[in-house]
Amino acid sequence: MENQKIKLMRSIKLTDKQISVIVGTLLGDGYLDKTTMGRSLRLHHSKSQEAYVLWKYNILKNIVNSEPRTYKTKENTTKMYFRTVSHPYLIDLQKLFYRNGKKIFPGKFLEKTFNPLVLATWLMDDGTNELGTSKCIKINSQSFDYEEHEKIRIVLKKRFGLDSNINKDRQYFRIRFYQKSMPRLIKIVKPHILPTMLYKFFPVTTH
């Protein structure tokens, strides 16, 4: 039986900012745990990204029952995690983001809700710079299949005017922004990027 504090947390109406961070996290490294009461959002990040973990925690803490914790992986690296309570809105997101247990890109939903904060959160989760002459950014979106990547490209173009292609990574795929779209991409997301996460945009942000 849930205690009163958790019951109150489950009744909280999420803000637009909270929804944006949750959606961006689901596009990235976050996932929805099944619980007796529905679904909770679980986040795991490297200890080196502590500032980013705390940023997410501070945004979501009114639906989180305990502070972020650290743990050691089998590879002896240190990670941080926290999870939200089982919130009714996460049940709706589960239906949108998963099909037959596999994560999908809910294109119709994101055509309306994909905003700069969602994109910035996704990039802070999964973005990586490509050094060299092209100096572009890739999204490590390998959890999606090729068809889902086609949807991603279409929505990125519709919502933000960003051009991208599908980059092959062994048997997986990921999104790669064209160099011509980089100034626009940086302008869109930079107001939301934490200083400690700017390395994901280096050397783009230094030119």
Foldseek 3Di string as FASTA:
>chain_A
DDDPLLVVLQVDDADLLLVLLQLLVLLFPWDWDQDPQGTKIKDKDFVLCVVVQVVNCVNSVSQFDDDKDWDADPVRGIMIMGMGRRHPVVNVVCVQQDDPRAGAQNLVVCLPSVALSSVLSNCLRAKAFDDDDLGWIKGPSQSYAPVRVVSVQVSCCNPQVWHWDWDDDPPTIIIITGSVRLVSNCVRHVVPHDPSSCNRRPPVVVD
